[in-house]
Every structure is written in C-alpha cells, then in structure tokens.
C-alpha cells in the first residue's frame, strides 16, 4: 500500500513499483488508505508512506496499521532527515523497517522494497 499526498509523486512511485511487478494500492489520503487497510487489504505486505501529510501523519498511519497487523513491513518516506532512533521516539513500540529520504532514485526505492520484503 502506497500513501503520499502528492499525486504526481504517488503516480511516479506507483509506476516504478508496477514496472518491477509489484501490485500497488495507491492513496493520496491517509484516512482513505487506513480505511482500505481496515476493510481487508489482505494482499498488502508493505506500507510505503510519506511522513508529512495534512489529514494524518505517516507516523499515525503506521501506528494504526501496526495495531491491526503487527507483522506489516513499513517504509517511511520524508524530505526531512530522520533515522530509526528518531522514529523510536515518535513510535516507541513500532518497528519501521526502512526510511527513504526524498528525493530518491528509483533504484533506491526498489532496493529498499526488496530488502524489506
């Protein structure tokens, strides 16, 4: 599941992932993404989300996803530098599998997804 409130970036990331053979459920609204997830995103094995979004932060989205499915793999994207130890302050009991700092190359995206999945 891909979540980014920038439609152009969401489309670019979706195309890169689909070209690699991944099935992508893309959302520009994290609340819609969470609703989709809660209603049975059974084939979802990864949540790839921006951190800063208007209606709900990526941190909040991840916390709620992990409450439902603790095993879910998570990659967070941000234009701001952040690392695992900083994320643990915000999400103390939630594991984030990888971070992608924007802007990133498509090869970095694919490498991160392959390492996590």
N, C-alpha and C. Protein backbone atom coordinates (compact mmCIF):
# COMPACT_ATOMS: atom_id res chain seq x y z
N UNK A 1 0.85 -1.16 0.00
CA UNK A 1 0.00 0.00 0.00
C UNK A 1 0.90 1.23 0.00
N UNK A 2 0.64 2.14 -0.91
CA UNK A 2 1.43 3.36 -1.10
C UNK A 2 0.59 4.56 -0.71
N UNK A 3 1.16 5.44 0.15
CA UNK A 3 0.42 6.61 0.61
C UNK A 3 1.32 7.84 0.52
N UNK A 4 0.92 8.79 -0.30
CA UNK A 4 1.61 10.08 -0.40
C UNK A 4 0.61 11.11 -0.87
N UNK A 5 0.56 12.24 -0.19
CA UNK A 5 -0.44 13.25 -0.54
C UNK A 5 -0.06 14.10 -1.74
N UNK A 6 1.07 13.82 -2.36
CA UNK A 6 1.46 14.49 -3.60
C UNK A 6 1.12 13.56 -4.77
N UNK A 7 0.05 13.84 -5.51
CA UNK A 7 -0.41 12.92 -6.56
C UNK A 7 0.65 12.60 -7.62
N UNK A 8 1.44 13.58 -8.02
CA UNK A 8 2.46 13.32 -9.05
C UNK A 8 3.52 12.35 -8.54
N UNK A 9 3.94 12.54 -7.31
CA UNK A 9 4.94 11.65 -6.72
C UNK A 9 4.35 10.25 -6.52
N UNK A 10 3.12 10.19 -6.07
CA UNK A 10 2.44 8.91 -5.90
C UNK A 10 2.40 8.14 -7.22
N UNK A 11 2.04 8.83 -8.30
CA UNK A 11 1.98 8.17 -9.61
C UNK A 11 3.35 7.69 -10.08
N UNK A 12 4.39 8.50 -9.84
CA UNK A 12 5.73 8.11 -10.25
C UNK A 12 6.19 6.87 -9.48
N UNK A 13 5.97 6.86 -8.18
CA UNK A 13 6.38 5.72 -7.36
C UNK A 13 5.58 4.48 -7.76
N UNK A 14 4.29 4.65 -7.98
CA UNK A 14 3.45 3.53 -8.40
C UNK A 14 3.98 2.92 -9.70
N UNK A 15 4.31 3.75 -10.67
CA UNK A 15 4.81 3.25 -11.97
C UNK A 15 6.11 2.48 -11.80
N UNK A 16 7.01 2.99 -10.98
CA UNK A 16 8.29 2.31 -10.74
C UNK A 16 8.03 0.93 -10.12
N UNK A 17 7.18 0.87 -9.12
CA UNK A 17 6.90 -0.40 -8.45
C UNK A 17 6.16 -1.38 -9.35
N UNK A 18 5.18 -0.89 -10.10
CA UNK A 18 4.44 -1.78 -11.00
C UNK A 18 5.34 -2.31 -12.11
N UNK A 19 6.27 -1.50 -12.57
CA UNK A 19 7.22 -1.96 -13.59
C UNK A 19 8.07 -3.11 -13.07
N UNK A 20 8.29 -3.13 -11.76
CA UNK A 20 9.05 -4.21 -11.12
C UNK A 20 8.17 -5.42 -10.78
N UNK A 21 6.88 -5.33 -11.08
CA UNK A 21 5.98 -6.45 -10.86
C UNK A 21 5.17 -6.40 -9.58
N UNK A 22 5.27 -5.31 -8.84
CA UNK A 22 4.50 -5.19 -7.60
C UNK A 22 3.09 -4.70 -7.88
N UNK A 23 2.13 -5.22 -7.12
CA UNK A 23 0.75 -4.72 -7.16
C UNK A 23 0.67 -3.58 -6.15
N UNK A 24 0.18 -2.43 -6.60
CA UNK A 24 0.20 -1.23 -5.75
C UNK A 24 -1.21 -0.70 -5.54
N UNK A 25 -1.58 -0.54 -4.27
CA UNK A 25 -2.80 0.18 -3.90
C UNK A 25 -2.33 1.57 -3.48
N UNK A 26 -2.63 2.59 -4.29
CA UNK A 26 -2.13 3.93 -4.01
C UNK A 26 -3.20 4.87 -3.48
N UNK A 27 -2.82 5.70 -2.52
CA UNK A 27 -3.76 6.64 -1.89
C UNK A 27 -3.07 7.98 -1.66
N UNK A 28 -3.79 9.06 -1.97
CA UNK A 28 -3.29 10.40 -1.64
C UNK A 28 -3.80 10.86 -0.29
N UNK A 29 -4.74 10.13 0.27
CA UNK A 29 -5.32 10.48 1.56
C UNK A 29 -5.07 9.33 2.55
N UNK A 30 -4.32 9.59 3.62
CA UNK A 30 -4.02 8.50 4.56
C UNK A 30 -5.25 7.94 5.27
N UNK A 31 -6.27 8.74 5.43
CA UNK A 31 -7.50 8.24 6.07
C UNK A 31 -8.17 7.22 5.15
N UNK A 32 -8.20 7.50 3.86
CA UNK A 32 -8.74 6.53 2.88
C UNK A 32 -7.89 5.27 2.85
N UNK A 33 -6.58 5.44 2.94
CA UNK A 33 -5.67 4.29 2.94
C UNK A 33 -5.93 3.41 4.16
N UNK A 34 -6.09 4.03 5.31
CA UNK A 34 -6.36 3.27 6.53
C UNK A 34 -7.69 2.54 6.44
N UNK A 35 -8.69 3.19 5.90
CA UNK A 35 -10.00 2.56 5.72
C UNK A 35 -9.88 1.34 4.82
N UNK A 36 -9.14 1.48 3.72
CA UNK A 36 -8.91 0.35 2.81
C UNK A 36 -8.21 -0.78 3.56
N UNK A 37 -7.22 -0.43 4.34
CA UNK A 37 -6.46 -1.43 5.09
C UNK A 37 -7.35 -2.14 6.11
N UNK A 38 -8.15 -1.37 6.83
CA UNK A 38 -9.05 -1.94 7.84
C UNK A 38 -10.10 -2.85 7.23
N UNK A 39 -10.48 -2.57 6.00
CA UNK A 39 -11.53 -3.35 5.34
C UNK A 39 -11.00 -4.50 4.51
N UNK A 40 -9.79 -4.93 4.80
CA UNK A 40 -9.35 -6.18 4.22
C UNK A 40 -8.30 -6.13 3.15
N UNK A 41 -7.33 -5.32 3.30
CA UNK A 41 -6.22 -5.29 2.33
C UNK A 41 -5.36 -6.54 2.58
N UNK A 42 -5.95 -7.69 2.28
CA UNK A 42 -5.33 -8.96 2.60
C UNK A 42 -4.06 -9.24 1.81
N UNK A 43 -3.95 -8.66 0.61
CA UNK A 43 -2.75 -8.89 -0.19
C UNK A 43 -1.66 -7.86 0.08
N UNK A 44 -1.89 -6.96 1.03
CA UNK A 44 -0.88 -5.95 1.37
C UNK A 44 0.22 -6.60 2.21
N UNK A 45 1.46 -6.43 1.78
CA UNK A 45 2.59 -6.95 2.55
C UNK A 45 3.54 -5.84 2.97
N UNK A 46 3.28 -4.61 2.49
CA UNK A 46 4.15 -3.48 2.76
C UNK A 46 3.33 -2.20 2.76
N UNK A 47 3.64 -1.31 3.70
CA UNK A 47 3.10 0.05 3.67
C UNK A 47 4.27 0.98 3.41
N UNK A 48 4.17 1.72 2.32
CA UNK A 48 5.16 2.71 1.93
C UNK A 48 4.47 4.06 2.02
N UNK A 49 4.87 4.87 3.01
CA UNK A 49 4.11 6.09 3.28
C UNK A 49 5.01 7.30 3.49
N UNK A 50 4.51 8.44 3.03
CA UNK A 50 5.12 9.71 3.36
C UNK A 50 4.88 9.95 4.85
N UNK A 51 5.71 10.77 5.47
CA UNK A 51 5.50 11.09 6.89
C UNK A 51 4.60 12.30 7.06
N UNK A 52 4.90 13.36 6.33
CA UNK A 52 4.14 14.61 6.50
C UNK A 52 2.99 14.68 5.51
N UNK A 53 1.79 14.54 6.05
CA UNK A 53 0.57 14.66 5.25
C UNK A 53 -0.44 15.44 6.08
N UNK A 54 -1.36 16.09 5.40
CA UNK A 54 -2.28 17.03 6.07
C UNK A 54 -3.27 16.35 7.02
N UNK A 55 -3.98 15.36 6.55
CA UNK A 55 -5.08 14.80 7.35
C UNK A 55 -4.64 13.83 8.44
N UNK A 56 -3.49 13.19 8.26
CA UNK A 56 -2.96 12.24 9.24
C UNK A 56 -1.48 12.05 8.92
N UNK A 57 -0.64 12.07 9.93
CA UNK A 57 0.79 11.88 9.67
C UNK A 57 1.07 10.41 9.32
N UNK A 58 2.17 10.20 8.64
CA UNK A 58 2.60 8.85 8.35
C UNK A 58 2.88 8.06 9.62
N UNK A 59 3.36 8.75 10.65
CA UNK A 59 3.59 8.08 11.93
C UNK A 59 2.29 7.54 12.51
N UNK A 60 1.24 8.35 12.47
CA UNK A 60 -0.06 7.90 13.00
C UNK A 60 -0.62 6.76 12.15
N UNK A 61 -0.49 6.86 10.84
CA UNK A 61 -0.94 5.80 9.95
C UNK A 61 -0.22 4.49 10.29
N UNK A 62 1.08 4.55 10.43
CA UNK A 62 1.87 3.36 10.74
C UNK A 62 1.47 2.77 12.10
N UNK A 63 1.29 3.62 13.09
CA UNK A 63 0.88 3.13 14.41
C UNK A 63 -0.43 2.36 14.32
N UNK A 64 -1.37 2.90 13.57
CA UNK A 64 -2.69 2.25 13.46
C UNK A 64 -2.63 0.98 12.62
N UNK A 65 -1.83 0.99 11.56
CA UNK A 65 -1.64 -0.22 10.76
C UNK A 65 -1.01 -1.32 11.61
N UNK A 66 0.01 -0.98 12.37
CA UNK A 66 0.69 -1.97 13.21
C UNK A 66 -0.21 -2.49 14.33
N UNK A 67 -1.15 -1.67 14.79
CA UNK A 67 -2.12 -2.15 15.78
C UNK A 67 -2.97 -3.27 15.18
N UNK A 68 -3.27 -3.17 13.89
CA UNK A 68 -4.09 -4.17 13.21
C UNK A 68 -3.27 -5.38 12.77
N UNK A 69 -2.07 -5.11 12.25
CA UNK A 69 -1.21 -6.19 11.74
C UNK A 69 0.23 -5.90 12.13
N UNK A 70 0.64 -6.36 13.30
CA UNK A 70 1.98 -6.05 13.82
C UNK A 70 3.12 -6.51 12.91
N UNK A 71 2.87 -7.50 12.08
CA UNK A 71 3.92 -8.03 11.20
C UNK A 71 4.12 -7.20 9.93
N UNK A 72 3.28 -6.22 9.70
CA UNK A 72 3.33 -5.43 8.46
C UNK A 72 4.68 -4.75 8.31
N UNK A 73 5.26 -4.86 7.13
CA UNK A 73 6.52 -4.19 6.80
C UNK A 73 6.23 -2.72 6.49
N UNK A 74 7.13 -1.84 6.94
CA UNK A 74 6.91 -0.40 6.82
C UNK A 74 8.14 0.29 6.25
N UNK A 75 7.92 1.13 5.23
CA UNK A 75 8.94 2.05 4.74
C UNK A 75 8.33 3.44 4.80
N UNK A 76 9.03 4.36 5.46
CA UNK A 76 8.58 5.74 5.52
C UNK A 76 9.44 6.62 4.63
N UNK A 77 8.78 7.56 3.96
CA UNK A 77 9.46 8.50 3.07
C UNK A 77 9.34 9.90 3.65
N UNK A 78 10.41 10.68 3.52
CA UNK A 78 10.36 12.04 4.02
C UNK A 78 11.39 12.92 3.32
N UNK A 79 11.08 14.18 3.22
CA UNK A 79 12.03 15.16 2.70
C UNK A 79 12.94 15.66 3.82
N UNK A 80 12.66 15.23 5.04
CA UNK A 80 13.44 15.65 6.20
C UNK A 80 14.25 14.47 6.70
N UNK A 81 15.46 14.72 7.13
CA UNK A 81 16.33 13.65 7.62
C UNK A 81 15.74 13.05 8.90
N UNK A 82 15.65 11.74 8.90
CA UNK A 82 15.17 11.01 10.08
C UNK A 82 15.80 9.63 10.05
N UNK A 83 15.99 9.05 11.19
CA UNK A 83 16.55 7.70 11.24
C UNK A 83 15.77 6.85 12.24
N UNK A 84 16.16 5.61 12.37
CA UNK A 84 15.43 4.66 13.20
C UNK A 84 15.35 5.12 14.66
N UNK A 85 16.44 5.67 15.20
CA UNK A 85 16.40 6.08 16.60
C UNK A 85 15.45 7.26 16.82
N UNK A 86 15.38 8.18 15.85
CA UNK A 86 14.43 9.28 15.95
C UNK A 86 13.00 8.77 15.84
N UNK A 87 12.78 7.81 14.97
CA UNK A 87 11.44 7.24 14.81
C UNK A 87 10.99 6.55 16.09
N UNK A 88 11.92 5.95 16.82
CA UNK A 88 11.56 5.26 18.06
C UNK A 88 11.06 6.22 19.12
N UNK A 89 11.46 7.48 19.02
CA UNK A 89 10.95 8.49 19.95
C UNK A 89 9.46 8.74 19.67
N UNK A 90 9.12 8.82 18.38
CA UNK A 90 7.73 9.08 17.98
C UNK A 90 6.89 7.82 18.06
N UNK A 91 7.47 6.70 17.66
CA UNK A 91 6.77 5.41 17.63
C UNK A 91 7.53 4.42 18.53
N UNK A 92 7.48 4.59 19.84
CA UNK A 92 8.34 3.80 20.71
C UNK A 92 8.17 2.29 20.62
N UNK A 93 6.99 1.82 20.30
CA UNK A 93 6.79 0.36 20.26
C UNK A 93 6.52 -0.14 18.84
N UNK A 94 6.86 0.67 17.85
CA UNK A 94 6.56 0.31 16.46
C UNK A 94 7.85 0.26 15.65
N UNK A 95 8.05 -0.85 14.96
CA UNK A 95 9.24 -1.01 14.14
C UNK A 95 9.00 -0.47 12.73
N UNK A 96 9.87 0.44 12.31
CA UNK A 96 9.89 0.92 10.93
C UNK A 96 11.05 0.21 10.26
N UNK A 97 10.79 -0.45 9.13
CA UNK A 97 11.80 -1.29 8.50
C UNK A 97 12.83 -0.51 7.70
N UNK A 98 12.42 0.63 7.13
CA UNK A 98 13.36 1.43 6.33
C UNK A 98 12.84 2.85 6.17
N UNK A 99 13.77 3.74 5.87
CA UNK A 99 13.44 5.13 5.57
C UNK A 99 14.00 5.48 4.21
N UNK A 100 13.26 6.26 3.46
CA UNK A 100 13.73 6.82 2.19
C UNK A 100 13.68 8.33 2.31
N UNK A 101 14.82 8.96 2.11
CA UNK A 101 14.87 10.41 2.14
C UNK A 101 14.62 10.95 0.74
N UNK A 102 13.61 11.82 0.62
CA UNK A 102 13.27 12.44 -0.66
C UNK A 102 14.26 13.57 -0.93
N UNK A 103 14.63 13.79 -2.16
CA UNK A 103 14.30 12.96 -3.32
C UNK A 103 15.16 11.70 -3.34
N UNK A 104 14.62 10.64 -3.90
CA UNK A 104 15.37 9.40 -4.02
C UNK A 104 15.29 8.91 -5.46
N UNK A 105 16.25 8.08 -5.81
CA UNK A 105 16.27 7.48 -7.15
C UNK A 105 15.38 6.24 -7.16
N UNK A 106 14.91 5.89 -8.34
CA UNK A 106 14.06 4.70 -8.44
C UNK A 106 14.82 3.45 -7.99
N UNK A 107 16.13 3.42 -8.23
CA UNK A 107 16.92 2.26 -7.78
C UNK A 107 16.95 2.18 -6.26
N UNK A 108 16.99 3.32 -5.58
CA UNK A 108 16.96 3.32 -4.11
C UNK A 108 15.62 2.81 -3.60
N UNK A 109 14.55 3.20 -4.27
CA UNK A 109 13.21 2.73 -3.91
C UNK A 109 13.12 1.22 -4.05
N UNK A 110 13.51 0.71 -5.20
CA UNK A 110 13.44 -0.73 -5.45
C UNK A 110 14.33 -1.50 -4.47
N UNK A 111 15.54 -0.99 -4.23
CA UNK A 111 16.43 -1.66 -3.28
C UNK A 111 15.81 -1.73 -1.89
N UNK A 112 15.19 -0.64 -1.44
CA UNK A 112 14.56 -0.62 -0.11
C UNK A 112 13.42 -1.62 -0.03
N UNK A 113 12.59 -1.65 -1.06
CA UNK A 113 11.45 -2.58 -1.08
C UNK A 113 11.95 -4.03 -1.08
N UNK A 114 12.95 -4.33 -1.88
CA UNK A 114 13.48 -5.70 -1.93
C UNK A 114 14.11 -6.11 -0.61
N UNK A 115 14.79 -5.19 0.06
CA UNK A 115 15.41 -5.52 1.35
C UNK A 115 14.37 -5.78 2.43
N UNK A 116 13.29 -5.02 2.40
CA UNK A 116 12.25 -5.14 3.42
C UNK A 116 11.37 -6.36 3.18
N UNK A 117 11.04 -6.59 1.92
CA UNK A 117 10.14 -7.71 1.60
C UNK A 117 10.95 -8.95 1.34
